[in-house]
């Protein structure tokens, strides 16, 4: 499967961005999907994940109430709506796909099989 992320950019504190990830290849609904981010000098960290049907979502504590993950299995896309952005949210954001046969939404990047190329999000203070 190939993943293509887009939607990053430069925004002021308190602003919003919507990231989108388009998937091609195998059946999209077979994948648990996740968004991760990596800031310079830091480890890649889990941001949000969504089950194969979209019925279950999970968030890192630092984005709860601000970010929303969603997916459209008919369009093979997964989105991340980011509101109330803070300078600490500045990072490269990656979408990832996990062919998890048990359907568990993992928070470890090691569990994900495919990765998009990343999209830069910069939040100015």
N, C-alpha and C. Protein backbone atom coordinates (compact mmCIF):
# COMPACT_ATOMS: atom_id res chain seq x y z
N UNK A 1 0.84 -1.18 0.00
CA UNK A 1 0.00 0.00 0.00
C UNK A 1 0.88 1.24 0.00
N UNK A 2 0.42 2.28 -0.66
CA UNK A 2 1.13 3.55 -0.67
C UNK A 2 0.28 4.61 0.02
N UNK A 3 0.95 5.43 0.83
CA UNK A 3 0.25 6.48 1.57
C UNK A 3 0.81 7.83 1.17
N UNK A 4 -0.08 8.77 0.96
CA UNK A 4 0.33 10.12 0.57
C UNK A 4 -0.37 11.11 1.49
N UNK A 5 0.43 11.80 2.31
CA UNK A 5 -0.12 12.77 3.24
C UNK A 5 0.02 14.19 2.71
N UNK A 6 -0.95 15.01 3.05
CA UNK A 6 -0.89 16.41 2.64
C UNK A 6 -1.66 17.25 3.66
N UNK A 7 -1.54 18.56 3.52
CA UNK A 7 -2.31 19.46 4.36
C UNK A 7 -1.51 20.22 5.40
N UNK A 8 -0.22 19.93 5.51
CA UNK A 8 0.58 20.65 6.46
C UNK A 8 0.80 22.09 6.04
N UNK A 9 1.43 22.85 6.94
CA UNK A 9 1.70 24.24 6.61
C UNK A 9 2.09 25.03 7.85
N UNK A 10 2.07 26.33 7.68
CA UNK A 10 2.43 27.26 8.75
C UNK A 10 1.15 27.92 9.26
N UNK A 11 0.97 27.91 10.57
CA UNK A 11 -0.23 28.48 11.17
C UNK A 11 0.15 29.14 12.49
N UNK A 12 -0.61 30.12 12.89
CA UNK A 12 -0.36 30.79 14.15
C UNK A 12 -0.97 30.01 15.32
N UNK A 13 -0.47 30.28 16.50
CA UNK A 13 -1.01 29.66 17.71
C UNK A 13 -2.52 29.88 17.77
N UNK A 14 -3.22 28.79 18.07
CA UNK A 14 -4.67 28.85 18.12
C UNK A 14 -5.36 28.53 16.81
N UNK A 15 -4.60 28.41 15.75
CA UNK A 15 -5.15 28.13 14.44
C UNK A 15 -5.46 26.66 14.23
N UNK A 16 -5.91 26.36 13.01
CA UNK A 16 -6.32 25.00 12.67
C UNK A 16 -5.70 24.56 11.35
N UNK A 17 -5.52 23.27 11.24
CA UNK A 17 -5.10 22.63 9.99
C UNK A 17 -5.80 21.30 9.88
N UNK A 18 -5.98 20.87 8.65
CA UNK A 18 -6.55 19.54 8.42
C UNK A 18 -5.59 18.76 7.55
N UNK A 19 -5.08 17.68 8.10
CA UNK A 19 -4.21 16.79 7.35
C UNK A 19 -5.05 15.69 6.72
N UNK A 20 -4.64 15.27 5.55
CA UNK A 20 -5.32 14.19 4.87
C UNK A 20 -4.30 13.19 4.35
N UNK A 21 -4.66 11.94 4.38
CA UNK A 21 -3.78 10.87 3.91
C UNK A 21 -4.58 9.99 2.97
N UNK A 22 -4.10 9.86 1.75
CA UNK A 22 -4.75 9.01 0.75
C UNK A 22 -3.97 7.72 0.59
N UNK A 23 -4.69 6.63 0.54
CA UNK A 23 -4.06 5.31 0.43
C UNK A 23 -4.41 4.66 -0.90
N UNK A 24 -3.46 3.95 -1.43
CA UNK A 24 -3.70 3.17 -2.65
C UNK A 24 -3.16 1.77 -2.42
N UNK A 25 -3.61 0.86 -3.20
CA UNK A 25 -3.12 -0.50 -3.07
C UNK A 25 -4.18 -1.44 -2.55
N UNK A 26 -3.86 -2.13 -1.48
CA UNK A 26 -4.76 -3.13 -0.96
C UNK A 26 -6.00 -2.50 -0.32
N UNK A 27 -6.90 -3.33 0.10
CA UNK A 27 -8.18 -2.85 0.63
C UNK A 27 -7.94 -1.99 1.87
N UNK A 28 -8.32 -0.72 1.77
CA UNK A 28 -8.05 0.25 2.81
C UNK A 28 -8.70 -0.13 4.12
N UNK A 29 -9.90 -0.68 4.04
CA UNK A 29 -10.63 -1.01 5.26
C UNK A 29 -10.00 -2.15 6.05
N UNK A 30 -8.98 -2.77 5.49
CA UNK A 30 -8.26 -3.82 6.20
C UNK A 30 -7.25 -3.26 7.20
N UNK A 31 -6.99 -1.96 7.12
CA UNK A 31 -5.92 -1.36 7.91
C UNK A 31 -6.44 -0.53 9.08
N UNK A 32 -5.82 -0.75 10.21
CA UNK A 32 -5.89 0.24 11.28
C UNK A 32 -5.00 1.40 10.84
N UNK A 33 -5.46 2.62 11.04
CA UNK A 33 -4.70 3.79 10.61
C UNK A 33 -4.30 4.66 11.79
N UNK A 34 -3.14 5.26 11.66
CA UNK A 34 -2.66 6.11 12.72
C UNK A 34 -1.97 7.35 12.18
N UNK A 35 -1.91 8.36 13.01
CA UNK A 35 -1.11 9.55 12.75
C UNK A 35 -0.04 9.64 13.83
N UNK A 36 1.17 9.91 13.40
CA UNK A 36 2.30 10.08 14.31
C UNK A 36 2.96 11.41 13.98
N UNK A 37 3.81 11.85 14.86
CA UNK A 37 4.58 13.05 14.58
C UNK A 37 5.99 12.92 15.14
N UNK A 38 6.88 13.68 14.54
CA UNK A 38 8.26 13.68 15.00
C UNK A 38 8.83 15.08 14.89
N UNK A 39 9.22 15.61 16.02
CA UNK A 39 9.87 16.92 16.08
C UNK A 39 11.39 16.71 16.05
N UNK A 40 12.14 17.72 15.64
CA UNK A 40 13.59 17.58 15.57
C UNK A 40 14.18 17.16 16.91
N UNK A 41 15.01 16.13 16.88
CA UNK A 41 15.68 15.66 18.08
C UNK A 41 14.81 14.83 19.01
N UNK A 42 13.60 14.53 18.59
CA UNK A 42 12.69 13.77 19.44
C UNK A 42 12.28 12.47 18.77
N UNK A 43 11.75 11.57 19.58
CA UNK A 43 11.27 10.30 19.07
C UNK A 43 9.94 10.51 18.33
N UNK A 44 9.66 9.61 17.42
CA UNK A 44 8.36 9.62 16.75
C UNK A 44 7.30 9.21 17.77
N UNK A 45 6.22 9.98 17.84
CA UNK A 45 5.21 9.72 18.85
C UNK A 45 3.81 9.59 18.25
N UNK A 46 3.03 8.78 18.92
CA UNK A 46 1.65 8.55 18.52
C UNK A 46 0.83 9.80 18.76
N UNK A 47 -0.02 10.13 17.80
CA UNK A 47 -0.92 11.25 17.92
C UNK A 47 -2.38 10.76 18.02
N UNK A 48 -2.78 9.94 17.06
CA UNK A 48 -4.16 9.46 17.04
C UNK A 48 -4.23 8.19 16.20
N UNK A 49 -5.21 7.35 16.51
CA UNK A 49 -5.42 6.13 15.75
C UNK A 49 -6.90 5.84 15.59
N UNK A 50 -7.22 5.08 14.57
CA UNK A 50 -8.62 4.78 14.29
C UNK A 50 -8.75 3.35 13.81
N UNK A 51 -9.80 2.69 14.28
CA UNK A 51 -10.01 1.29 13.93
C UNK A 51 -10.40 1.15 12.46
N UNK A 52 -10.47 -0.08 12.00
CA UNK A 52 -10.72 -0.34 10.59
C UNK A 52 -12.06 0.19 10.12
N UNK A 53 -13.07 0.10 10.97
CA UNK A 53 -14.39 0.59 10.60
C UNK A 53 -14.57 2.08 10.87
N UNK A 54 -13.67 2.62 11.69
CA UNK A 54 -13.80 4.02 12.11
C UNK A 54 -14.59 4.18 13.39
N UNK A 55 -15.06 3.07 13.96
CA UNK A 55 -15.91 3.14 15.13
C UNK A 55 -15.17 3.44 16.43
N UNK A 56 -13.87 3.20 16.44
CA UNK A 56 -13.07 3.46 17.64
C UNK A 56 -11.92 4.38 17.30
N UNK A 57 -11.73 5.39 18.14
CA UNK A 57 -10.63 6.32 17.96
C UNK A 57 -9.85 6.45 19.27
N UNK A 58 -8.57 6.74 19.13
CA UNK A 58 -7.69 6.87 20.28
C UNK A 58 -6.79 8.09 20.06
N UNK A 59 -6.48 8.75 21.17
CA UNK A 59 -5.69 9.96 21.08
C UNK A 59 -4.62 9.99 22.16
N UNK A 60 -3.50 10.60 21.84
CA UNK A 60 -2.51 10.90 22.85
C UNK A 60 -3.09 11.96 23.78
N UNK A 61 -2.69 11.92 25.02
CA UNK A 61 -3.24 12.85 26.01
C UNK A 61 -3.04 14.30 25.60
N UNK A 62 -1.93 14.58 24.94
CA UNK A 62 -1.61 15.97 24.65
C UNK A 62 -2.45 16.54 23.50
N UNK A 63 -3.27 15.73 22.83
CA UNK A 63 -4.13 16.27 21.77
C UNK A 63 -5.61 16.07 22.03
N UNK A 64 -5.94 15.41 23.10
CA UNK A 64 -7.35 15.15 23.39
C UNK A 64 -8.13 16.46 23.48
N UNK A 65 -9.26 16.47 22.78
CA UNK A 65 -10.11 17.64 22.78
C UNK A 65 -9.72 18.66 21.73
N UNK A 66 -8.55 18.49 21.12
CA UNK A 66 -8.11 19.45 20.10
C UNK A 66 -8.06 18.82 18.71
N UNK A 67 -7.69 17.56 18.63
CA UNK A 67 -7.54 16.86 17.34
C UNK A 67 -8.65 15.83 17.19
N UNK A 68 -9.03 15.60 15.95
CA UNK A 68 -10.02 14.57 15.63
C UNK A 68 -9.55 13.77 14.42
N UNK A 69 -9.51 12.47 14.58
CA UNK A 69 -9.16 11.59 13.48
C UNK A 69 -10.43 10.99 12.89
N UNK A 70 -10.46 10.85 11.58
CA UNK A 70 -11.62 10.26 10.92
C UNK A 70 -11.13 9.55 9.66
N UNK A 71 -11.96 8.68 9.15
CA UNK A 71 -11.60 7.98 7.92
C UNK A 71 -12.82 7.79 7.04
N UNK A 72 -12.55 7.66 5.76
CA UNK A 72 -13.60 7.39 4.78
C UNK A 72 -13.14 6.19 3.96
N UNK A 73 -13.68 5.04 4.27
CA UNK A 73 -13.22 3.82 3.60
C UNK A 73 -13.64 3.77 2.13
N UNK A 74 -14.66 4.51 1.77
CA UNK A 74 -15.07 4.56 0.37
C UNK A 74 -14.08 5.37 -0.47
N UNK A 75 -13.45 6.35 0.18
CA UNK A 75 -12.50 7.21 -0.53
C UNK A 75 -11.04 6.86 -0.24
N UNK A 76 -10.83 5.88 0.64
CA UNK A 76 -9.46 5.46 1.02
C UNK A 76 -8.67 6.62 1.62
N UNK A 77 -9.30 7.35 2.51
CA UNK A 77 -8.61 8.47 3.14
C UNK A 77 -8.77 8.44 4.66
N UNK A 78 -7.79 9.01 5.33
CA UNK A 78 -7.86 9.23 6.77
C UNK A 78 -7.42 10.66 7.02
N UNK A 79 -8.17 11.39 7.81
CA UNK A 79 -7.90 12.79 8.06
C UNK A 79 -7.58 13.03 9.53
N UNK A 80 -6.89 14.13 9.77
CA UNK A 80 -6.62 14.58 11.12
C UNK A 80 -6.95 16.06 11.18
N UNK A 81 -8.04 16.39 11.84
CA UNK A 81 -8.42 17.78 12.05
C UNK A 81 -7.73 18.26 13.31
N UNK A 82 -6.95 19.33 13.17
CA UNK A 82 -6.17 19.84 14.30
C UNK A 82 -6.62 21.26 14.61
N UNK A 83 -7.15 21.46 15.79
CA UNK A 83 -7.61 22.76 16.23
C UNK A 83 -6.78 23.23 17.44
N UNK A 84 -6.88 24.49 17.73
CA UNK A 84 -6.18 25.07 18.89
C UNK A 84 -4.71 24.68 18.89
N UNK A 85 -4.08 24.85 17.77
CA UNK A 85 -2.68 24.43 17.64
C UNK A 85 -1.76 25.28 18.50
N UNK A 86 -0.73 24.63 18.98
CA UNK A 86 0.25 25.25 19.86
C UNK A 86 1.63 25.07 19.24
N UNK A 87 2.57 25.94 19.62
CA UNK A 87 3.94 25.77 19.08
C UNK A 87 4.51 24.37 19.34
N UNK A 88 4.11 23.75 20.44
CA UNK A 88 4.59 22.40 20.76
C UNK A 88 4.09 21.34 19.78
N UNK A 89 3.11 21.69 18.96
CA UNK A 89 2.61 20.76 17.95
C UNK A 89 3.46 20.78 16.67
N UNK A 90 4.43 21.66 16.61
CA UNK A 90 5.30 21.73 15.44
C UNK A 90 6.08 20.43 15.28
N UNK A 91 5.94 19.82 14.12
CA UNK A 91 6.58 18.54 13.84
C UNK A 91 6.27 18.13 12.41
N UNK A 92 6.93 17.07 11.98
CA UNK A 92 6.53 16.40 10.75
C UNK A 92 5.50 15.34 11.14
N UNK A 93 4.38 15.37 10.47
CA UNK A 93 3.29 14.44 10.76
C UNK A 93 3.25 13.35 9.71
N UNK A 94 3.10 12.12 10.18
CA UNK A 94 3.08 10.96 9.31
C UNK A 94 1.78 10.18 9.49
N UNK A 95 1.22 9.71 8.39
CA UNK A 95 0.15 8.74 8.50
C UNK A 95 0.76 7.35 8.32
N UNK A 96 0.13 6.38 8.94
CA UNK A 96 0.66 5.02 8.92
C UNK A 96 -0.48 4.02 8.91
N UNK A 97 -0.19 2.87 8.33
CA UNK A 97 -1.19 1.80 8.22
C UNK A 97 -0.66 0.53 8.88
N UNK A 98 -1.54 -0.09 9.63
CA UNK A 98 -1.20 -1.32 10.34
C UNK A 98 -2.16 -2.41 9.90
N UNK A 99 -1.62 -3.46 9.27
CA UNK A 99 -2.46 -4.58 8.86
C UNK A 99 -2.64 -5.49 10.08
N UNK A 100 -3.40 -4.98 11.03
CA UNK A 100 -3.57 -5.67 12.30
C UNK A 100 -4.73 -6.64 12.18
N UNK A 101 -4.42 -7.89 12.13
CA UNK A 101 -5.46 -8.88 11.94
C UNK A 101 -6.42 -8.94 13.12
N UNK A 102 -5.95 -8.48 14.30
CA UNK A 102 -6.83 -8.49 15.45
C UNK A 102 -7.57 -7.18 15.64
N UNK A 103 -7.27 -6.18 14.80
CA UNK A 103 -8.00 -4.93 14.84
C UNK A 103 -7.61 -3.97 15.95
N UNK A 104 -6.60 -4.32 16.73
CA UNK A 104 -6.18 -3.45 17.83
C UNK A 104 -5.50 -2.21 17.27
N UNK A 105 -5.83 -1.07 17.85
CA UNK A 105 -5.18 0.18 17.46
C UNK A 105 -3.96 0.36 18.35
N UNK A 106 -2.78 0.11 17.79
CA UNK A 106 -1.55 0.21 18.56
C UNK A 106 -1.05 1.64 18.61
N UNK A 107 -0.36 1.96 19.68
CA UNK A 107 0.22 3.29 19.80
C UNK A 107 1.72 3.29 19.56
N UNK A 108 2.29 2.14 19.37
CA UNK A 108 3.72 2.06 19.06
C UNK A 108 3.93 2.13 17.56
N UNK A 109 4.85 2.97 17.14
CA UNK A 109 5.12 3.08 15.71
C UNK A 109 5.67 1.77 15.15
N UNK A 110 6.20 0.93 16.03
CA UNK A 110 6.78 -0.34 15.58
C UNK A 110 5.71 -1.29 15.03
N UNK A 111 4.48 -1.04 15.37
CA UNK A 111 3.39 -1.93 14.94
C UNK A 111 2.87 -1.61 13.55
N UNK A 112 3.28 -0.51 13.00
CA UNK A 112 2.74 -0.06 11.72
C UNK A 112 3.61 -0.50 10.56
N UNK A 113 2.95 -0.94 9.50
CA UNK A 113 3.64 -1.57 8.39
C UNK A 113 4.00 -0.61 7.26
N UNK A 114 3.16 0.39 7.05
CA UNK A 114 3.36 1.30 5.93
C UNK A 114 3.27 2.74 6.42
N UNK A 115 4.09 3.60 5.78
CA UNK A 115 4.18 4.98 6.20
C UNK A 115 4.10 5.92 5.02
N UNK A 116 3.45 7.05 5.25
CA UNK A 116 3.48 8.11 4.27
C UNK A 116 4.78 8.89 4.38
N UNK A 117 4.95 9.86 3.52
CA UNK A 117 6.21 10.59 3.43
C UNK A 117 6.33 11.69 4.47
N UNK A 118 5.26 12.04 5.15
CA UNK A 118 5.32 13.08 6.16
C UNK A 118 4.95 14.44 5.60
N UNK A 119 4.33 15.25 6.43
CA UNK A 119 3.97 16.61 6.05
C UNK A 119 4.29 17.53 7.23
N UNK A 120 4.94 18.64 6.93
CA UNK A 120 5.42 19.54 7.97
C UNK A 120 4.29 20.42 8.49
N UNK A 121 4.18 20.48 9.81
CA UNK A 121 3.27 21.40 10.48
C UNK A 121 4.11 22.31 11.36
N UNK A 122 3.97 23.61 11.15
CA UNK A 122 4.71 24.58 11.93
C UNK A 122 3.72 25.56 12.55
N UNK A 123 3.80 25.68 13.86
CA UNK A 123 2.90 26.58 14.58
C UNK A 123 3.75 27.71 15.17
N UNK A 124 3.47 28.91 14.76
CA UNK A 124 4.24 30.06 15.24
C UNK A 124 3.58 30.67 16.47
N UNK A 125 4.41 31.19 17.35
CA UNK A 125 3.90 31.79 18.60
C UNK A 125 3.61 33.26 18.43
